[in-house]
Amino acid sequence: MLGDIIVGIGSIVISLLNVYIWIIIISALLSFVNPDPYNPIVQFLYRVTNPAYDFVRRFMRTDFNGLDFAPLIIIIALQILIVILSSVVHSIAY
C-alpha cells in the first residue's frame, strides 16, 4: 500500500520535471526570436525559468561566444534527476 503511494508520487514528480524541461526548451527557443516582453505568456516563462538560470549562473560561467548554455545545463541535470528518481521508484515498486 505504501509502496503504491510512493510510486504514484514519484510518477507525478517525474511528470512535473518533464513539463519543466519543456518549459525551459520553449523559453530558450523564444529567446532567439526576441518576443514581446509584455506578453503574459512570455512573462510567465521568464518568471518560471529565470530563477533556475540564475542559480546555475551563480556557480559557473554559462555564456560562450554569445550563447547561453544555462538551459542546456539545467536540462541535462533534470534528465539525470529523472533517471535516478525513476530507478528509485521502480526499485520500490518491485
N, C-alpha and C. Protein backbone atom coordinates (compact mmCIF):
# COMPACT_ATOMS: atom_id res chain seq x y z
N MET A 1 0.83 -1.20 0.00
CA MET A 1 0.00 0.00 0.00
C MET A 1 0.87 1.26 0.00
N LEU A 2 1.83 1.32 0.91
CA LEU A 2 2.70 2.49 0.99
C LEU A 2 3.60 2.58 -0.25
N GLY A 3 4.01 1.43 -0.77
CA GLY A 3 4.82 1.42 -1.99
C GLY A 3 4.07 1.99 -3.18
N ASP A 4 2.76 1.69 -3.27
CA ASP A 4 1.95 2.23 -4.36
C ASP A 4 1.82 3.74 -4.27
N ILE A 5 1.69 4.26 -3.07
CA ILE A 5 1.60 5.71 -2.87
C ILE A 5 2.91 6.38 -3.27
N ILE A 6 4.03 5.79 -2.89
CA ILE A 6 5.33 6.36 -3.23
C ILE A 6 5.55 6.31 -4.74
N VAL A 7 5.14 5.22 -5.38
CA VAL A 7 5.27 5.11 -6.83
C VAL A 7 4.41 6.17 -7.52
N GLY A 8 3.21 6.39 -7.02
CA GLY A 8 2.34 7.41 -7.60
C GLY A 8 2.91 8.81 -7.45
N ILE A 9 3.40 9.12 -6.27
CA ILE A 9 4.01 10.44 -6.05
C ILE A 9 5.27 10.61 -6.89
N GLY A 10 6.07 9.55 -6.99
CA GLY A 10 7.26 9.61 -7.83
C GLY A 10 6.93 9.83 -9.29
N SER A 11 5.87 9.19 -9.77
CA SER A 11 5.45 9.38 -11.16
C SER A 11 4.97 10.80 -11.41
N ILE A 12 4.29 11.38 -10.45
CA ILE A 12 3.84 12.77 -10.58
C ILE A 12 5.04 13.71 -10.62
N VAL A 13 6.03 13.48 -9.76
CA VAL A 13 7.22 14.33 -9.74
C VAL A 13 7.99 14.21 -11.06
N ILE A 14 8.11 13.00 -11.59
CA ILE A 14 8.79 12.81 -12.87
C ILE A 14 8.04 13.53 -13.99
N SER A 15 6.73 13.47 -13.97
CA SER A 15 5.93 14.17 -14.98
C SER A 15 6.11 15.68 -14.87
N LEU A 16 6.14 16.21 -13.66
CA LEU A 16 6.35 17.65 -13.48
C LEU A 16 7.74 18.07 -13.94
N LEU A 17 8.74 17.24 -13.71
CA LEU A 17 10.08 17.55 -14.20
C LEU A 17 10.12 17.57 -15.73
N ASN A 18 9.40 16.65 -16.35
CA ASN A 18 9.33 16.64 -17.82
C ASN A 18 8.63 17.90 -18.35
N VAL A 19 7.59 18.33 -17.68
CA VAL A 19 6.90 19.56 -18.08
C VAL A 19 7.85 20.75 -17.94
N TYR A 20 8.61 20.80 -16.86
CA TYR A 20 9.55 21.91 -16.66
C TYR A 20 10.65 21.90 -17.73
N ILE A 21 11.08 20.71 -18.16
CA ILE A 21 12.05 20.64 -19.25
C ILE A 21 11.47 21.26 -20.51
N TRP A 22 10.22 20.98 -20.81
CA TRP A 22 9.60 21.57 -21.99
C TRP A 22 9.45 23.08 -21.85
N ILE A 23 9.16 23.55 -20.66
CA ILE A 23 9.08 25.00 -20.44
C ILE A 23 10.44 25.65 -20.69
N ILE A 24 11.50 25.01 -20.24
CA ILE A 24 12.84 25.54 -20.48
C ILE A 24 13.16 25.55 -21.98
N ILE A 25 12.79 24.50 -22.68
CA ILE A 25 13.04 24.44 -24.12
C ILE A 25 12.29 25.55 -24.84
N ILE A 26 11.02 25.75 -24.50
CA ILE A 26 10.23 26.80 -25.14
C ILE A 26 10.81 28.18 -24.83
N SER A 27 11.21 28.38 -23.59
CA SER A 27 11.80 29.67 -23.21
C SER A 27 13.10 29.93 -23.95
N ALA A 28 13.92 28.90 -24.11
CA ALA A 28 15.19 29.05 -24.82
C ALA A 28 14.95 29.35 -26.30
N LEU A 29 13.98 28.69 -26.89
CA LEU A 29 13.68 28.96 -28.30
C LEU A 29 13.10 30.36 -28.48
N LEU A 30 12.31 30.82 -27.52
CA LEU A 30 11.76 32.17 -27.62
C LEU A 30 12.84 33.24 -27.52
N SER A 31 13.93 32.93 -26.85
CA SER A 31 14.98 33.93 -26.72
C SER A 31 15.65 34.22 -28.07
N PHE A 32 15.53 33.32 -29.02
CA PHE A 32 16.12 33.54 -30.35
C PHE A 32 15.29 34.50 -31.21
N VAL A 33 13.97 34.59 -30.96
CA VAL A 33 13.10 35.42 -31.80
C VAL A 33 12.80 36.77 -31.17
N ASN A 34 13.28 37.02 -29.96
CA ASN A 34 13.09 38.30 -29.28
C ASN A 34 11.61 38.68 -29.17
N PRO A 35 10.84 37.95 -28.34
CA PRO A 35 9.40 38.18 -28.24
C PRO A 35 9.06 39.46 -27.48
N ASP A 36 7.79 39.82 -27.52
CA ASP A 36 7.28 40.99 -26.81
C ASP A 36 7.37 40.73 -25.30
N PRO A 37 8.13 41.53 -24.55
CA PRO A 37 8.29 41.26 -23.11
C PRO A 37 7.03 41.52 -22.30
N TYR A 38 6.03 42.17 -22.88
CA TYR A 38 4.79 42.45 -22.15
C TYR A 38 3.74 41.37 -22.37
N ASN A 39 4.03 40.40 -23.19
CA ASN A 39 3.11 39.28 -23.40
C ASN A 39 3.04 38.45 -22.12
N PRO A 40 1.84 38.13 -21.64
CA PRO A 40 1.73 37.38 -20.37
C PRO A 40 2.36 36.00 -20.42
N ILE A 41 2.32 35.35 -21.57
CA ILE A 41 2.94 34.03 -21.68
C ILE A 41 4.45 34.14 -21.56
N VAL A 42 5.02 35.13 -22.22
CA VAL A 42 6.47 35.34 -22.16
C VAL A 42 6.88 35.71 -20.74
N GLN A 43 6.10 36.54 -20.08
CA GLN A 43 6.41 36.91 -18.70
C GLN A 43 6.35 35.69 -17.78
N PHE A 44 5.36 34.82 -17.99
CA PHE A 44 5.26 33.60 -17.20
C PHE A 44 6.48 32.71 -17.42
N LEU A 45 6.88 32.53 -18.68
CA LEU A 45 8.03 31.68 -18.97
C LEU A 45 9.29 32.23 -18.33
N TYR A 46 9.49 33.53 -18.40
CA TYR A 46 10.68 34.13 -17.79
C TYR A 46 10.65 34.03 -16.27
N ARG A 47 9.45 34.22 -15.69
CA ARG A 47 9.35 34.11 -14.22
C ARG A 47 9.62 32.69 -13.73
N VAL A 48 9.26 31.71 -14.53
CA VAL A 48 9.43 30.31 -14.12
C VAL A 48 10.87 29.85 -14.34
N THR A 49 11.52 30.33 -15.42
CA THR A 49 12.84 29.81 -15.75
C THR A 49 14.00 30.64 -15.22
N ASN A 50 13.83 31.93 -15.04
CA ASN A 50 14.95 32.77 -14.62
C ASN A 50 15.55 32.40 -13.26
N PRO A 51 14.78 31.97 -12.26
CA PRO A 51 15.43 31.54 -11.01
C PRO A 51 16.39 30.36 -11.20
N ALA A 52 16.01 29.42 -12.05
CA ALA A 52 16.90 28.29 -12.32
C ALA A 52 18.14 28.74 -13.08
N TYR A 53 17.96 29.64 -14.05
CA TYR A 53 19.11 30.17 -14.80
C TYR A 53 20.05 30.91 -13.86
N ASP A 54 19.51 31.74 -12.98
CA ASP A 54 20.34 32.49 -12.05
C ASP A 54 21.10 31.57 -11.10
N PHE A 55 20.46 30.48 -10.69
CA PHE A 55 21.12 29.52 -9.80
C PHE A 55 22.33 28.89 -10.48
N VAL A 56 22.17 28.49 -11.74
CA VAL A 56 23.28 27.88 -12.47
C VAL A 56 24.37 28.92 -12.74
N ARG A 57 23.96 30.12 -13.11
CA ARG A 57 24.94 31.17 -13.42
C ARG A 57 25.74 31.60 -12.19
N ARG A 58 25.19 31.39 -11.02
CA ARG A 58 25.90 31.75 -9.80
C ARG A 58 27.12 30.86 -9.59
N PHE A 59 27.06 29.61 -10.07
CA PHE A 59 28.13 28.67 -9.82
C PHE A 59 29.09 28.48 -10.98
N MET A 60 28.68 28.82 -12.20
CA MET A 60 29.57 28.63 -13.34
C MET A 60 29.25 29.63 -14.44
N ARG A 61 30.23 29.84 -15.26
CA ARG A 61 30.05 30.72 -16.41
C ARG A 61 29.31 29.94 -17.49
N THR A 62 28.21 30.48 -18.00
CA THR A 62 27.40 29.74 -18.96
C THR A 62 27.35 30.39 -20.33
N ASP A 63 27.92 31.57 -20.49
CA ASP A 63 27.87 32.20 -21.81
C ASP A 63 29.22 32.07 -22.51
N PHE A 64 29.16 31.48 -23.69
CA PHE A 64 30.34 31.28 -24.50
C PHE A 64 30.03 31.75 -25.92
N ASN A 65 30.80 32.71 -26.39
CA ASN A 65 30.63 33.27 -27.74
C ASN A 65 29.21 33.76 -28.00
N GLY A 66 28.60 34.35 -27.00
CA GLY A 66 27.26 34.91 -27.16
C GLY A 66 26.12 33.93 -26.97
N LEU A 67 26.41 32.67 -26.73
CA LEU A 67 25.37 31.67 -26.48
C LEU A 67 25.33 31.35 -25.00
N ASP A 68 24.12 31.27 -24.46
CA ASP A 68 23.94 30.94 -23.05
C ASP A 68 23.61 29.46 -22.94
N PHE A 69 24.45 28.73 -22.24
CA PHE A 69 24.26 27.29 -22.10
C PHE A 69 23.56 26.91 -20.79
N ALA A 70 23.02 27.87 -20.07
CA ALA A 70 22.31 27.57 -18.82
C ALA A 70 21.11 26.65 -19.05
N PRO A 71 20.28 26.87 -20.09
CA PRO A 71 19.17 25.94 -20.30
C PRO A 71 19.64 24.51 -20.56
N LEU A 72 20.72 24.35 -21.33
CA LEU A 72 21.23 23.02 -21.62
C LEU A 72 21.74 22.34 -20.35
N ILE A 73 22.43 23.08 -19.51
CA ILE A 73 22.95 22.52 -18.25
C ILE A 73 21.79 22.09 -17.35
N ILE A 74 20.75 22.91 -17.29
CA ILE A 74 19.60 22.58 -16.45
C ILE A 74 18.87 21.36 -16.99
N ILE A 75 18.71 21.28 -18.30
CA ILE A 75 18.02 20.12 -18.90
C ILE A 75 18.80 18.84 -18.65
N ILE A 76 20.10 18.88 -18.79
CA ILE A 76 20.92 17.69 -18.52
C ILE A 76 20.80 17.28 -17.06
N ALA A 77 20.86 18.25 -16.15
CA ALA A 77 20.73 17.94 -14.72
C ALA A 77 19.35 17.36 -14.40
N LEU A 78 18.32 17.90 -15.01
CA LEU A 78 16.97 17.37 -14.76
C LEU A 78 16.80 15.97 -15.35
N GLN A 79 17.42 15.71 -16.50
CA GLN A 79 17.35 14.37 -17.07
C GLN A 79 18.06 13.35 -16.18
N ILE A 80 19.19 13.74 -15.61
CA ILE A 80 19.89 12.85 -14.67
C ILE A 80 19.03 12.60 -13.44
N LEU A 81 18.39 13.66 -12.94
CA LEU A 81 17.50 13.52 -11.79
C LEU A 81 16.32 12.61 -12.10
N ILE A 82 15.77 12.70 -13.31
CA ILE A 82 14.66 11.85 -13.70
C ILE A 82 15.09 10.39 -13.75
N VAL A 83 16.28 10.11 -14.29
CA VAL A 83 16.77 8.73 -14.35
C VAL A 83 16.96 8.17 -12.95
N ILE A 84 17.55 8.95 -12.07
CA ILE A 84 17.77 8.48 -10.70
C ILE A 84 16.45 8.26 -9.98
N LEU A 85 15.55 9.22 -10.10
CA LEU A 85 14.25 9.11 -9.44
C LEU A 85 13.45 7.95 -10.01
N SER A 86 13.52 7.74 -11.30
CA SER A 86 12.80 6.64 -11.93
C SER A 86 13.32 5.29 -11.45
N SER A 87 14.64 5.16 -11.31
CA SER A 87 15.19 3.90 -10.83
C SER A 87 14.82 3.65 -9.37
N VAL A 88 14.78 4.71 -8.58
CA VAL A 88 14.37 4.55 -7.18
C VAL A 88 12.90 4.15 -7.08
N VAL A 89 12.07 4.78 -7.89
CA VAL A 89 10.63 4.46 -7.87
C VAL A 89 10.40 3.03 -8.33
N HIS A 90 11.10 2.60 -9.38
CA HIS A 90 10.91 1.24 -9.87
C HIS A 90 11.47 0.21 -8.91
N SER A 91 12.51 0.55 -8.17
CA SER A 91 13.02 -0.40 -7.19
C SER A 91 12.06 -0.54 -6.02
N ILE A 92 11.33 0.51 -5.70
CA ILE A 92 10.32 0.42 -4.64
C ILE A 92 9.12 -0.38 -5.11
N ALA A 93 8.77 -0.23 -6.40
CA ALA A 93 7.59 -0.91 -6.92
C ALA A 93 7.77 -2.42 -6.99
N TYR A 94 9.01 -2.88 -7.18
CA TYR A 94 9.22 -4.33 -7.35
C TYR A 94 9.92 -4.89 -6.20
